[in-house]
Amino acid sequence: MGLTVDQYAEHLRALLPPGRALDDGSDGELTLLLQALAAEYARVDGRGDVLIDESVPASTTELLADWERMADLPDNCTPAGQSVDARRAALIARLTSNSGPSIPYLLSLAESLGYAVNIVERHARRYGDALGDYYGGTDWQFVWEVHAPLNSVVYRRFGNSAYGEAYATWQNDVLECVMRQHAPAHTIVNFIYT
């Protein structure tokens, strides 16, 4: 936390040489000059504190567009007009993705975007399977099922959201796009909403 305007003015006055030549009282021009300088120093000091928050993607607001440009966002999965929280979640997901397309990776990716999902990997019918089990053909071995709620609710996080944004959004479009984008190329991703 930075110094106040009065504290900066006090420090500036302490830097002046002693003597009656620079003692112009409380309403003099030197005092007004020191107050003006102190106000600017306090403003710059306060902006430095904001810069610390802006240097972290999880708390950025003013530099969000710069962070997105650096992470090559928006893309096909982040449509225009998203809330600040949704944009921030997409940014964090992009910056922290460092794994291959495995089920644990996709689960953590969905969680970082605010979705609670379960992924089931199917397999082709094999010798020894119980009679009456569903037979999906040989392509069934490439099917992944993403089980998610019918209406995934993503709530707004207070403190980091822009004024006027919705308190919650109900959609699964981003989930479907991200899952299809990060799933292995040979897989078929089915979405099952309950």
N, C-alpha and C. Protein backbone atom coordinates (compact mmCIF):
# COMPACT_ATOMS: atom_id res chain seq x y z
N MET A 1 0.85 -1.17 0.00
CA MET A 1 0.00 0.00 0.00
C MET A 1 0.90 1.23 0.00
N GLY A 2 0.57 2.18 -0.86
CA GLY A 2 1.40 3.35 -1.05
C GLY A 2 1.14 4.44 -0.02
N LEU A 3 1.92 5.48 -0.14
CA LEU A 3 1.79 6.63 0.74
C LEU A 3 0.65 7.53 0.27
N THR A 4 0.10 8.31 1.18
CA THR A 4 -0.96 9.25 0.83
C THR A 4 -0.35 10.53 0.27
N VAL A 5 -1.19 11.40 -0.26
CA VAL A 5 -0.73 12.68 -0.81
C VAL A 5 -0.06 13.51 0.28
N ASP A 6 -0.67 13.56 1.46
CA ASP A 6 -0.09 14.34 2.55
C ASP A 6 1.26 13.79 2.99
N GLN A 7 1.41 12.47 3.00
CA GLN A 7 2.69 11.88 3.38
C GLN A 7 3.78 12.21 2.35
N TYR A 8 3.41 12.13 1.07
CA TYR A 8 4.38 12.50 0.03
C TYR A 8 4.77 13.99 0.15
N ALA A 9 3.78 14.85 0.40
CA ALA A 9 4.07 16.28 0.55
C ALA A 9 5.01 16.52 1.73
N GLU A 10 4.78 15.78 2.80
CA GLU A 10 5.64 15.89 3.99
C GLU A 10 7.07 15.48 3.64
N HIS A 11 7.21 14.37 2.90
CA HIS A 11 8.54 13.90 2.51
C HIS A 11 9.23 14.89 1.56
N LEU A 12 8.48 15.46 0.64
CA LEU A 12 9.06 16.44 -0.27
C LEU A 12 9.52 17.68 0.47
N ARG A 13 8.73 18.13 1.43
CA ARG A 13 9.10 19.30 2.22
C ARG A 13 10.36 19.00 3.03
N ALA A 14 10.51 17.75 3.51
CA ALA A 14 11.69 17.38 4.30
C ALA A 14 12.96 17.37 3.43
N LEU A 15 12.80 17.23 2.12
CA LEU A 15 13.95 17.24 1.22
C LEU A 15 14.47 18.64 0.92
N LEU A 16 13.68 19.67 1.22
CA LEU A 16 14.09 21.04 0.95
C LEU A 16 15.17 21.47 1.94
N PRO A 17 16.07 22.34 1.51
CA PRO A 17 17.10 22.83 2.45
C PRO A 17 16.45 23.69 3.54
N PRO A 18 17.04 23.69 4.71
CA PRO A 18 16.45 24.48 5.80
C PRO A 18 16.67 25.98 5.57
N GLY A 19 15.80 26.76 6.17
CA GLY A 19 15.96 28.21 6.09
C GLY A 19 14.64 28.90 5.83
N ARG A 20 14.69 30.22 6.07
CA ARG A 20 13.46 31.01 5.93
C ARG A 20 13.12 31.29 4.47
N ALA A 21 14.04 31.13 3.55
CA ALA A 21 13.78 31.45 2.14
C ALA A 21 12.72 30.54 1.54
N LEU A 22 12.67 29.30 1.98
CA LEU A 22 11.71 28.34 1.43
C LEU A 22 10.52 28.10 2.35
N ASP A 23 10.40 28.84 3.40
CA ASP A 23 9.26 28.70 4.32
C ASP A 23 8.23 29.75 3.95
N ASP A 24 7.24 29.33 3.13
CA ASP A 24 6.26 30.29 2.65
C ASP A 24 4.89 30.09 3.31
N GLY A 25 4.80 29.36 4.38
CA GLY A 25 3.51 29.16 5.06
C GLY A 25 2.72 28.04 4.42
N SER A 26 1.49 27.91 4.85
CA SER A 26 0.68 26.78 4.38
C SER A 26 -0.06 27.08 3.09
N ASP A 27 -0.18 28.35 2.68
CA ASP A 27 -0.92 28.68 1.47
C ASP A 27 -0.02 29.22 0.36
N GLY A 28 1.28 29.10 0.51
CA GLY A 28 2.19 29.67 -0.48
C GLY A 28 2.28 28.83 -1.75
N GLU A 29 2.96 29.41 -2.72
CA GLU A 29 3.09 28.75 -4.01
C GLU A 29 3.95 27.49 -3.91
N LEU A 30 4.97 27.49 -3.08
CA LEU A 30 5.80 26.30 -2.91
C LEU A 30 4.99 25.15 -2.33
N THR A 31 4.14 25.47 -1.37
CA THR A 31 3.29 24.43 -0.77
C THR A 31 2.33 23.85 -1.81
N LEU A 32 1.75 24.72 -2.64
CA LEU A 32 0.86 24.25 -3.70
C LEU A 32 1.61 23.38 -4.70
N LEU A 33 2.85 23.75 -5.03
CA LEU A 33 3.66 22.97 -5.94
C LEU A 33 3.97 21.60 -5.33
N LEU A 34 4.35 21.59 -4.07
CA LEU A 34 4.64 20.31 -3.41
C LEU A 34 3.40 19.42 -3.33
N GLN A 35 2.21 20.01 -3.10
CA GLN A 35 0.96 19.24 -3.06
C GLN A 35 0.67 18.64 -4.44
N ALA A 36 0.91 19.41 -5.50
CA ALA A 36 0.67 18.91 -6.86
C ALA A 36 1.62 17.75 -7.19
N LEU A 37 2.88 17.91 -6.84
CA LEU A 37 3.85 16.83 -7.05
C LEU A 37 3.48 15.60 -6.23
N ALA A 38 3.09 15.83 -4.98
CA ALA A 38 2.73 14.72 -4.09
C ALA A 38 1.52 13.96 -4.62
N ALA A 39 0.55 14.68 -5.19
CA ALA A 39 -0.63 14.02 -5.75
C ALA A 39 -0.24 13.10 -6.90
N GLU A 40 0.67 13.55 -7.74
CA GLU A 40 1.10 12.71 -8.86
C GLU A 40 1.91 11.51 -8.37
N TYR A 41 2.78 11.71 -7.39
CA TYR A 41 3.54 10.59 -6.83
C TYR A 41 2.62 9.56 -6.20
N ALA A 42 1.60 10.01 -5.50
CA ALA A 42 0.65 9.09 -4.87
C ALA A 42 -0.14 8.33 -5.94
N ARG A 43 -0.51 9.01 -7.02
CA ARG A 43 -1.24 8.34 -8.11
C ARG A 43 -0.39 7.25 -8.75
N VAL A 44 0.88 7.57 -9.05
CA VAL A 44 1.78 6.61 -9.67
C VAL A 44 2.03 5.44 -8.71
N ASP A 45 2.18 5.73 -7.44
CA ASP A 45 2.39 4.69 -6.43
C ASP A 45 1.18 3.76 -6.38
N GLY A 46 -0.02 4.31 -6.42
CA GLY A 46 -1.24 3.49 -6.42
C GLY A 46 -1.36 2.64 -7.66
N ARG A 47 -0.97 3.19 -8.81
CA ARG A 47 -1.01 2.40 -10.05
C ARG A 47 -0.01 1.25 -9.99
N GLY A 48 1.09 1.43 -9.27
CA GLY A 48 2.05 0.34 -9.10
C GLY A 48 1.44 -0.83 -8.35
N ASP A 49 0.60 -0.53 -7.36
CA ASP A 49 -0.10 -1.61 -6.63
C ASP A 49 -1.06 -2.34 -7.56
N VAL A 50 -1.72 -1.62 -8.44
CA VAL A 50 -2.65 -2.24 -9.39
C VAL A 50 -1.89 -3.12 -10.38
N LEU A 51 -0.69 -2.68 -10.75
CA LEU A 51 0.12 -3.44 -11.69
C LEU A 51 0.44 -4.83 -11.16
N ILE A 52 0.63 -4.95 -9.87
CA ILE A 52 0.89 -6.26 -9.28
C ILE A 52 -0.30 -7.19 -9.50
N ASP A 53 -1.52 -6.69 -9.29
CA ASP A 53 -2.72 -7.50 -9.55
C ASP A 53 -2.86 -7.83 -11.03
N GLU A 54 -2.51 -6.90 -11.89
CA GLU A 54 -2.64 -7.11 -13.33
C GLU A 54 -1.59 -8.06 -13.88
N SER A 55 -0.52 -8.32 -13.14
CA SER A 55 0.53 -9.21 -13.62
C SER A 55 0.16 -10.68 -13.46
N VAL A 56 -0.96 -10.97 -12.82
CA VAL A 56 -1.42 -12.34 -12.60
C VAL A 56 -2.71 -12.55 -13.39
N PRO A 57 -2.77 -13.56 -14.27
CA PRO A 57 -3.97 -13.75 -15.10
C PRO A 57 -5.25 -13.97 -14.28
N ALA A 58 -5.15 -14.53 -13.10
CA ALA A 58 -6.35 -14.81 -12.30
C ALA A 58 -6.99 -13.54 -11.74
N SER A 59 -6.25 -12.44 -11.68
CA SER A 59 -6.81 -11.22 -11.11
C SER A 59 -6.77 -10.04 -12.07
N THR A 60 -6.40 -10.28 -13.31
CA THR A 60 -6.28 -9.18 -14.26
C THR A 60 -7.65 -8.68 -14.73
N THR A 61 -7.74 -7.40 -14.96
CA THR A 61 -8.94 -6.79 -15.53
C THR A 61 -8.53 -5.84 -16.64
N GLU A 62 -7.67 -4.90 -16.31
CA GLU A 62 -7.25 -3.89 -17.28
C GLU A 62 -6.37 -4.48 -18.38
N LEU A 63 -5.54 -5.44 -18.05
CA LEU A 63 -4.63 -6.02 -19.03
C LEU A 63 -5.14 -7.35 -19.59
N LEU A 64 -6.43 -7.64 -19.40
CA LEU A 64 -6.99 -8.91 -19.88
C LEU A 64 -6.84 -9.04 -21.39
N ALA A 65 -7.08 -8.00 -22.13
CA ALA A 65 -6.95 -8.06 -23.60
C ALA A 65 -5.50 -8.36 -24.01
N ASP A 66 -4.53 -7.81 -23.30
CA ASP A 66 -3.12 -8.09 -23.60
C ASP A 66 -2.77 -9.54 -23.29
N TRP A 67 -3.27 -10.04 -22.15
CA TRP A 67 -3.05 -11.44 -21.80
C TRP A 67 -3.68 -12.35 -22.87
N GLU A 68 -4.90 -12.01 -23.32
CA GLU A 68 -5.57 -12.83 -24.33
C GLU A 68 -4.78 -12.81 -25.65
N ARG A 69 -4.28 -11.66 -26.03
CA ARG A 69 -3.48 -11.57 -27.25
C ARG A 69 -2.24 -12.46 -27.15
N MET A 70 -1.60 -12.46 -26.00
CA MET A 70 -0.41 -13.27 -25.79
C MET A 70 -0.74 -14.76 -25.84
N ALA A 71 -1.94 -15.15 -25.38
CA ALA A 71 -2.34 -16.56 -25.36
C ALA A 71 -3.11 -16.97 -26.61
N ASP A 72 -3.16 -16.09 -27.61
CA ASP A 72 -3.87 -16.35 -28.87
C ASP A 72 -5.36 -16.62 -28.63
N LEU A 73 -5.96 -15.76 -27.85
CA LEU A 73 -7.40 -15.83 -27.58
C LEU A 73 -8.03 -14.53 -28.08
N PRO A 74 -9.25 -14.48 -28.44
CA PRO A 74 -10.23 -15.56 -28.45
C PRO A 74 -10.00 -16.49 -29.64
N ASP A 75 -10.50 -17.71 -29.49
CA ASP A 75 -10.43 -18.68 -30.56
C ASP A 75 -11.84 -19.19 -30.84
N ASN A 76 -11.95 -20.32 -31.52
CA ASN A 76 -13.27 -20.86 -31.87
C ASN A 76 -14.11 -21.20 -30.64
N CYS A 77 -13.46 -21.52 -29.54
CA CYS A 77 -14.18 -21.95 -28.34
C CYS A 77 -14.51 -20.81 -27.38
N THR A 78 -14.03 -19.65 -27.65
CA THR A 78 -14.33 -18.51 -26.79
C THR A 78 -15.01 -17.44 -27.63
N PRO A 79 -16.31 -17.51 -27.76
CA PRO A 79 -17.02 -16.55 -28.61
C PRO A 79 -16.96 -15.13 -28.04
N ALA A 80 -17.19 -14.18 -28.91
CA ALA A 80 -17.18 -12.77 -28.49
C ALA A 80 -18.36 -12.51 -27.55
N GLY A 81 -18.20 -11.54 -26.69
CA GLY A 81 -19.27 -11.15 -25.78
C GLY A 81 -19.31 -11.94 -24.49
N GLN A 82 -18.27 -12.69 -24.18
CA GLN A 82 -18.25 -13.44 -22.93
C GLN A 82 -18.01 -12.50 -21.76
N SER A 83 -18.37 -12.96 -20.58
CA SER A 83 -18.13 -12.17 -19.38
C SER A 83 -16.64 -12.14 -19.08
N VAL A 84 -16.24 -11.23 -18.22
CA VAL A 84 -14.83 -11.13 -17.83
C VAL A 84 -14.38 -12.41 -17.15
N ASP A 85 -15.25 -13.00 -16.31
CA ASP A 85 -14.89 -14.25 -15.64
C ASP A 85 -14.67 -15.38 -16.63
N ALA A 86 -15.54 -15.49 -17.65
CA ALA A 86 -15.40 -16.54 -18.65
C ALA A 86 -14.13 -16.33 -19.47
N ARG A 87 -13.83 -15.10 -19.81
CA ARG A 87 -12.60 -14.81 -20.55
C ARG A 87 -11.38 -15.14 -19.72
N ARG A 88 -11.44 -14.79 -18.43
CA ARG A 88 -10.32 -15.07 -17.53
C ARG A 88 -10.13 -16.58 -17.37
N ALA A 89 -11.25 -17.33 -17.25
CA ALA A 89 -11.17 -18.79 -17.11
C ALA A 89 -10.57 -19.42 -18.37
N ALA A 90 -10.96 -18.93 -19.55
CA ALA A 90 -10.38 -19.44 -20.79
C ALA A 90 -8.89 -19.14 -20.86
N LEU A 91 -8.50 -17.97 -20.41
CA LEU A 91 -7.09 -17.60 -20.39
C LEU A 91 -6.29 -18.51 -19.48
N ILE A 92 -6.79 -18.73 -18.27
CA ILE A 92 -6.09 -19.58 -17.31
C ILE A 92 -6.00 -21.01 -17.83
N ALA A 93 -7.10 -21.49 -18.44
CA ALA A 93 -7.08 -22.84 -19.01
C ALA A 93 -6.03 -22.95 -20.11
N ARG A 94 -5.93 -21.92 -20.93
CA ARG A 94 -4.94 -21.94 -22.02
C ARG A 94 -3.52 -21.90 -21.47
N LEU A 95 -3.27 -21.07 -20.47
CA LEU A 95 -1.92 -20.91 -19.94
C LEU A 95 -1.46 -22.10 -19.10
N THR A 96 -2.38 -22.80 -18.48
CA THR A 96 -2.00 -23.90 -17.59
C THR A 96 -2.09 -25.25 -18.26
N SER A 97 -2.54 -25.31 -19.51
CA SER A 97 -2.64 -26.61 -20.18
C SER A 97 -1.25 -27.03 -20.63
N ASN A 98 -0.76 -28.09 -20.03
CA ASN A 98 0.58 -28.56 -20.35
C ASN A 98 0.63 -30.07 -20.47
N SER A 99 -0.50 -30.69 -20.68
CA SER A 99 -0.56 -32.12 -20.69
C SER A 99 -1.15 -32.61 -22.00
N GLY A 100 -1.05 -33.90 -22.23
CA GLY A 100 -1.63 -34.50 -23.42
C GLY A 100 -3.12 -34.72 -23.22
N PRO A 101 -3.80 -35.12 -24.27
CA PRO A 101 -5.25 -35.30 -24.22
C PRO A 101 -5.66 -36.60 -23.52
N SER A 102 -5.51 -36.64 -22.23
CA SER A 102 -5.94 -37.80 -21.46
C SER A 102 -7.21 -37.43 -20.70
N ILE A 103 -7.85 -38.44 -20.13
CA ILE A 103 -9.09 -38.18 -19.39
C ILE A 103 -8.84 -37.27 -18.18
N PRO A 104 -7.81 -37.52 -17.36
CA PRO A 104 -7.57 -36.58 -16.25
C PRO A 104 -7.30 -35.15 -16.72
N TYR A 105 -6.60 -35.01 -17.82
CA TYR A 105 -6.33 -33.67 -18.35
C TYR A 105 -7.63 -33.00 -18.78
N LEU A 106 -8.49 -33.71 -19.51
CA LEU A 106 -9.75 -33.13 -19.96
C LEU A 106 -10.67 -32.80 -18.79
N LEU A 107 -10.65 -33.63 -17.75
CA LEU A 107 -11.45 -33.34 -16.55
C LEU A 107 -10.96 -32.07 -15.88
N SER A 108 -9.64 -31.91 -15.76
CA SER A 108 -9.12 -30.70 -15.12
C SER A 108 -9.36 -29.47 -15.99
N LEU A 109 -9.32 -29.65 -17.30
CA LEU A 109 -9.60 -28.54 -18.22
C LEU A 109 -11.05 -28.08 -18.07
N ALA A 110 -11.98 -29.03 -18.03
CA ALA A 110 -13.40 -28.69 -17.84
C ALA A 110 -13.62 -28.02 -16.49
N GLU A 111 -12.94 -28.51 -15.46
CA GLU A 111 -13.08 -27.92 -14.12
C GLU A 111 -12.55 -26.49 -14.09
N SER A 112 -11.45 -26.24 -14.80
CA SER A 112 -10.89 -24.89 -14.81
C SER A 112 -11.82 -23.91 -15.52
N LEU A 113 -12.68 -24.41 -16.40
CA LEU A 113 -13.65 -23.57 -17.09
C LEU A 113 -14.96 -23.45 -16.31
N GLY A 114 -15.08 -24.18 -15.19
CA GLY A 114 -16.28 -24.08 -14.35
C GLY A 114 -17.32 -25.16 -14.60
N TYR A 115 -16.95 -26.25 -15.27
CA TYR A 115 -17.89 -27.33 -15.56
C TYR A 115 -17.56 -28.56 -14.74
N ALA A 116 -18.59 -29.20 -14.21
CA ALA A 116 -18.43 -30.45 -13.48
C ALA A 116 -18.87 -31.58 -14.41
N VAL A 117 -17.91 -32.34 -14.92
CA VAL A 117 -18.22 -33.39 -15.89
C VAL A 117 -17.61 -34.71 -15.45
N ASN A 118 -18.06 -35.77 -16.10
CA ASN A 118 -17.49 -37.09 -15.93
C ASN A 118 -17.25 -37.64 -17.33
N ILE A 119 -16.13 -38.29 -17.56
CA ILE A 119 -15.81 -38.82 -18.88
C ILE A 119 -15.70 -40.34 -18.79
N VAL A 120 -16.41 -41.02 -19.69
CA VAL A 120 -16.40 -42.48 -19.75
C VAL A 120 -15.80 -42.87 -21.09
N GLU A 121 -14.81 -43.74 -21.04
CA GLU A 121 -14.18 -44.23 -22.26
C GLU A 121 -14.79 -45.58 -22.60
N ARG A 122 -15.35 -45.71 -23.78
CA ARG A 122 -16.00 -46.94 -24.22
C ARG A 122 -14.98 -47.85 -24.90
N HIS A 123 -15.36 -49.10 -25.07
CA HIS A 123 -14.49 -50.04 -25.77
C HIS A 123 -15.36 -50.95 -26.63
N ALA A 124 -14.75 -51.54 -27.63
CA ALA A 124 -15.47 -52.46 -28.52
C ALA A 124 -15.80 -53.74 -27.74
N ARG A 125 -16.83 -54.41 -28.21
CA ARG A 125 -17.24 -55.66 -27.56
C ARG A 125 -16.08 -56.66 -27.67
N ARG A 126 -15.82 -57.34 -26.54
CA ARG A 126 -14.73 -58.29 -26.49
C ARG A 126 -15.24 -59.66 -26.06
N TYR A 127 -14.43 -60.63 -26.32
CA TYR A 127 -14.76 -61.98 -25.89
C TYR A 127 -14.83 -61.99 -24.37
N GLY A 128 -15.87 -62.57 -23.85
CA GLY A 128 -16.03 -62.65 -22.40
C GLY A 128 -16.97 -61.60 -21.84
N ASP A 129 -17.38 -60.61 -22.65
CA ASP A 129 -18.35 -59.61 -22.20
C ASP A 129 -19.70 -60.28 -21.98
N ALA A 130 -20.48 -59.75 -21.09
CA ALA A 130 -21.79 -60.32 -20.77
C ALA A 130 -22.71 -60.21 -21.98
N LEU A 131 -23.55 -61.23 -22.16
CA LEU A 131 -24.53 -61.20 -23.23
C LEU A 131 -25.53 -60.08 -22.95
N GLY A 132 -25.97 -59.44 -24.00
CA GLY A 132 -26.95 -58.37 -23.85
C GLY A 132 -26.33 -56.99 -23.73
N ASP A 133 -25.00 -56.91 -23.58
CA ASP A 133 -24.34 -55.60 -23.56
C ASP A 133 -24.47 -54.95 -24.93
N TYR A 134 -24.47 -53.66 -24.93
CA TYR A 134 -24.62 -52.91 -26.18
C TYR A 134 -23.42 -53.17 -27.07
N TYR A 135 -23.69 -53.43 -28.35
CA TYR A 135 -22.63 -53.63 -29.33
C TYR A 135 -22.57 -52.40 -30.21
N GLY A 136 -21.50 -51.67 -30.16
CA GLY A 136 -21.39 -50.45 -30.92
C GLY A 136 -20.51 -50.58 -32.14
N GLY A 137 -20.09 -51.76 -32.48
CA GLY A 137 -19.22 -51.94 -33.64
C GLY A 137 -17.77 -51.67 -33.27
N THR A 138 -16.91 -51.76 -34.27
CA THR A 138 -15.48 -51.60 -33.99
C THR A 138 -15.10 -50.15 -33.69
N ASP A 139 -15.91 -49.19 -34.17
CA ASP A 139 -15.63 -47.78 -33.88
C ASP A 139 -15.90 -47.43 -32.42
N TRP A 140 -16.61 -48.30 -31.71
CA TRP A 140 -16.97 -48.03 -30.33
C TRP A 140 -15.73 -47.88 -29.45
N GLN A 141 -14.61 -48.45 -29.86
CA GLN A 141 -13.39 -48.34 -29.07
C GLN A 141 -12.79 -46.93 -29.08
N PHE A 142 -13.29 -46.07 -29.98
CA PHE A 142 -12.79 -44.71 -30.06
C PHE A 142 -13.75 -43.68 -29.47
N VAL A 143 -14.79 -44.15 -28.79
CA VAL A 143 -15.82 -43.25 -28.28
C VAL A 143 -15.53 -42.87 -26.84
N TRP A 144 -15.62 -41.57 -26.58
CA TRP A 144 -15.57 -41.04 -25.22
C TRP A 144 -16.90 -40.36 -24.97
N GLU A 145 -17.47 -40.59 -23.81
CA GLU A 145 -18.72 -39.93 -23.43
C GLU A 145 -18.43 -38.90 -22.36
N VAL A 146 -18.89 -37.69 -22.60
CA VAL A 146 -18.76 -36.63 -21.61
C VAL A 146 -20.14 -36.45 -20.97
N HIS A 147 -20.24 -36.82 -19.71
CA HIS A 147 -21.50 -36.69 -18.96
C HIS A 147 -21.48 -35.36 -18.21
N ALA A 148 -22.48 -34.54 -18.47
CA ALA A 148 -22.54 -33.21 -17.85
C ALA A 148 -24.00 -32.88 -17.54
N PRO A 149 -24.23 -31.95 -16.63
CA PRO A 149 -25.60 -31.49 -16.39
C PRO A 149 -26.18 -30.83 -17.63
N LEU A 150 -27.49 -30.95 -17.80
CA LEU A 150 -28.16 -30.38 -18.96
C LEU A 150 -27.89 -28.88 -19.07
N ASN A 151 -28.00 -28.19 -17.96
CA ASN A 151 -27.75 -26.75 -17.92
C ASN A 151 -26.60 -26.50 -16.95
N SER A 152 -25.39 -26.45 -17.47
CA SER A 152 -24.24 -26.15 -16.61
C SER A 152 -24.30 -24.68 -16.24
N VAL A 153 -24.31 -24.42 -14.95
CA VAL A 153 -24.40 -23.04 -14.46
C VAL A 153 -23.01 -22.59 -14.07
N VAL A 154 -22.56 -21.50 -14.66
CA VAL A 154 -21.27 -20.89 -14.32
C VAL A 154 -21.58 -19.58 -13.62
N TYR A 155 -21.26 -19.51 -12.32
CA TYR A 155 -21.58 -18.34 -11.52
C TYR A 155 -20.50 -17.29 -11.64
N ARG A 156 -20.91 -16.05 -11.55
CA ARG A 156 -20.00 -14.91 -11.59
C ARG A 156 -19.22 -14.85 -10.28
N ARG A 157 -17.94 -14.54 -10.38
CA ARG A 157 -17.10 -14.37 -9.19
C ARG A 157 -17.05 -12.90 -8.85
N PHE A 158 -17.45 -12.58 -7.65
CA PHE A 158 -17.51 -11.18 -7.25
C PHE A 158 -16.12 -10.64 -6.97
N GLY A 159 -15.94 -9.38 -7.27
CA GLY A 159 -14.67 -8.72 -7.03
C GLY A 159 -13.84 -8.60 -8.29
N ASN A 160 -13.98 -9.56 -9.21
CA ASN A 160 -13.18 -9.51 -10.44
C ASN A 160 -14.05 -9.32 -11.68
N SER A 161 -15.35 -9.20 -11.52
CA SER A 161 -16.25 -9.10 -12.67
C SER A 161 -16.54 -7.64 -12.99
N ALA A 162 -16.85 -7.41 -14.25
CA ALA A 162 -17.18 -6.06 -14.68
C ALA A 162 -18.62 -5.74 -14.29
N TYR A 163 -18.90 -4.48 -14.08
CA TYR A 163 -20.24 -4.04 -13.71
C TYR A 163 -21.21 -4.35 -14.85
N GLY A 164 -22.37 -4.87 -14.50
CA GLY A 164 -23.42 -5.12 -15.47
C GLY A 164 -23.42 -6.52 -16.05
N GLU A 165 -22.47 -7.38 -15.66
CA GLU A 165 -22.46 -8.74 -16.18
C GLU A 165 -23.50 -9.59 -15.45
N ALA A 166 -23.92 -10.66 -16.12
CA ALA A 166 -24.91 -11.56 -15.53
C ALA A 166 -24.32 -12.27 -14.32
N TYR A 167 -25.20 -12.59 -13.36
CA TYR A 167 -24.74 -13.28 -12.15
C TYR A 167 -24.42 -14.74 -12.43
N ALA A 168 -25.03 -15.31 -13.46
CA ALA A 168 -24.77 -16.69 -13.83
C ALA A 168 -25.09 -16.87 -15.31
N THR A 169 -24.44 -17.86 -15.92
CA THR A 169 -24.75 -18.19 -17.31
C THR A 169 -25.04 -19.68 -17.39
N TRP A 170 -25.93 -20.04 -18.30
CA TRP A 170 -26.31 -21.43 -18.50
C TRP A 170 -26.00 -21.80 -19.94
N GLN A 171 -24.94 -22.52 -20.13
CA GLN A 171 -24.62 -22.96 -21.48
C GLN A 171 -23.62 -24.09 -21.42
N ASN A 172 -23.57 -24.85 -22.51
CA ASN A 172 -22.59 -25.92 -22.64
C ASN A 172 -21.80 -25.79 -23.93
N ASP A 173 -21.98 -24.70 -24.66
CA ASP A 173 -21.30 -24.53 -25.95
C ASP A 173 -19.78 -24.50 -25.78
N VAL A 174 -19.31 -23.78 -24.78
CA VAL A 174 -17.86 -23.67 -24.57
C VAL A 174 -17.31 -25.04 -24.17
N LEU A 175 -18.03 -25.77 -23.32
CA LEU A 175 -17.59 -27.10 -22.90
C LEU A 175 -17.44 -28.01 -24.12
N GLU A 176 -18.45 -28.05 -24.98
CA GLU A 176 -18.40 -28.93 -26.15
C GLU A 176 -17.24 -28.55 -27.07
N CYS A 177 -17.06 -27.28 -27.30
CA CYS A 177 -15.99 -26.83 -28.18
C CYS A 177 -14.62 -27.19 -27.63
N VAL A 178 -14.41 -26.93 -26.35
CA VAL A 178 -13.10 -27.20 -25.74
C VAL A 178 -12.82 -28.70 -25.70
N MET A 179 -13.82 -29.50 -25.36
CA MET A 179 -13.62 -30.95 -25.31
C MET A 179 -13.27 -31.50 -26.69
N ARG A 180 -13.98 -31.03 -27.72
CA ARG A 180 -13.69 -31.50 -29.07
C ARG A 180 -12.32 -31.00 -29.55
N GLN A 181 -11.96 -29.80 -29.14
CA GLN A 181 -10.68 -29.23 -29.56
C GLN A 181 -9.51 -29.98 -28.95
N HIS A 182 -9.64 -30.42 -27.69
CA HIS A 182 -8.52 -31.04 -26.99
C HIS A 182 -8.56 -32.57 -26.97
N ALA A 183 -9.63 -33.17 -27.43
CA ALA A 183 -9.71 -34.63 -27.46
C ALA A 183 -8.74 -35.18 -28.50
N PRO A 184 -8.25 -36.40 -28.31
CA PRO A 184 -7.37 -36.98 -29.32
C PRO A 184 -8.06 -37.03 -30.68
N ALA A 185 -7.28 -36.91 -31.73
CA ALA A 185 -7.83 -36.79 -33.08
C ALA A 185 -8.62 -38.01 -33.51
N HIS A 186 -8.28 -39.18 -33.00
CA HIS A 186 -8.95 -40.40 -33.45
C HIS A 186 -10.23 -40.71 -32.67
N THR A 187 -10.58 -39.90 -31.69
CA THR A 187 -11.72 -40.22 -30.84
C THR A 187 -13.00 -39.56 -31.34
N ILE A 188 -14.10 -40.15 -30.92
CA ILE A 188 -15.45 -39.61 -31.18
C ILE A 188 -15.99 -39.18 -29.82
N VAL A 189 -16.28 -37.92 -29.67
CA VAL A 189 -16.74 -37.40 -28.37
C VAL A 189 -18.26 -37.24 -28.43
N ASN A 190 -18.95 -37.96 -27.56
CA ASN A 190 -20.41 -37.84 -27.42
C ASN A 190 -20.70 -37.11 -26.12
N PHE A 191 -21.69 -36.24 -26.13
CA PHE A 191 -22.09 -35.50 -24.94
C PHE A 191 -23.43 -36.04 -24.46
N ILE A 192 -23.47 -36.41 -23.21
CA ILE A 192 -24.69 -36.93 -22.61
C ILE A 192 -25.06 -36.01 -21.47
N TYR A 193 -26.21 -35.33 -21.61
CA TYR A 193 -26.65 -34.37 -20.62
C TYR A 193 -27.77 -34.99 -19.78
N THR A 194 -27.63 -34.82 -18.48
CA THR A 194 -28.64 -35.39 -17.56
C THR A 194 -29.29 -34.30 -16.75
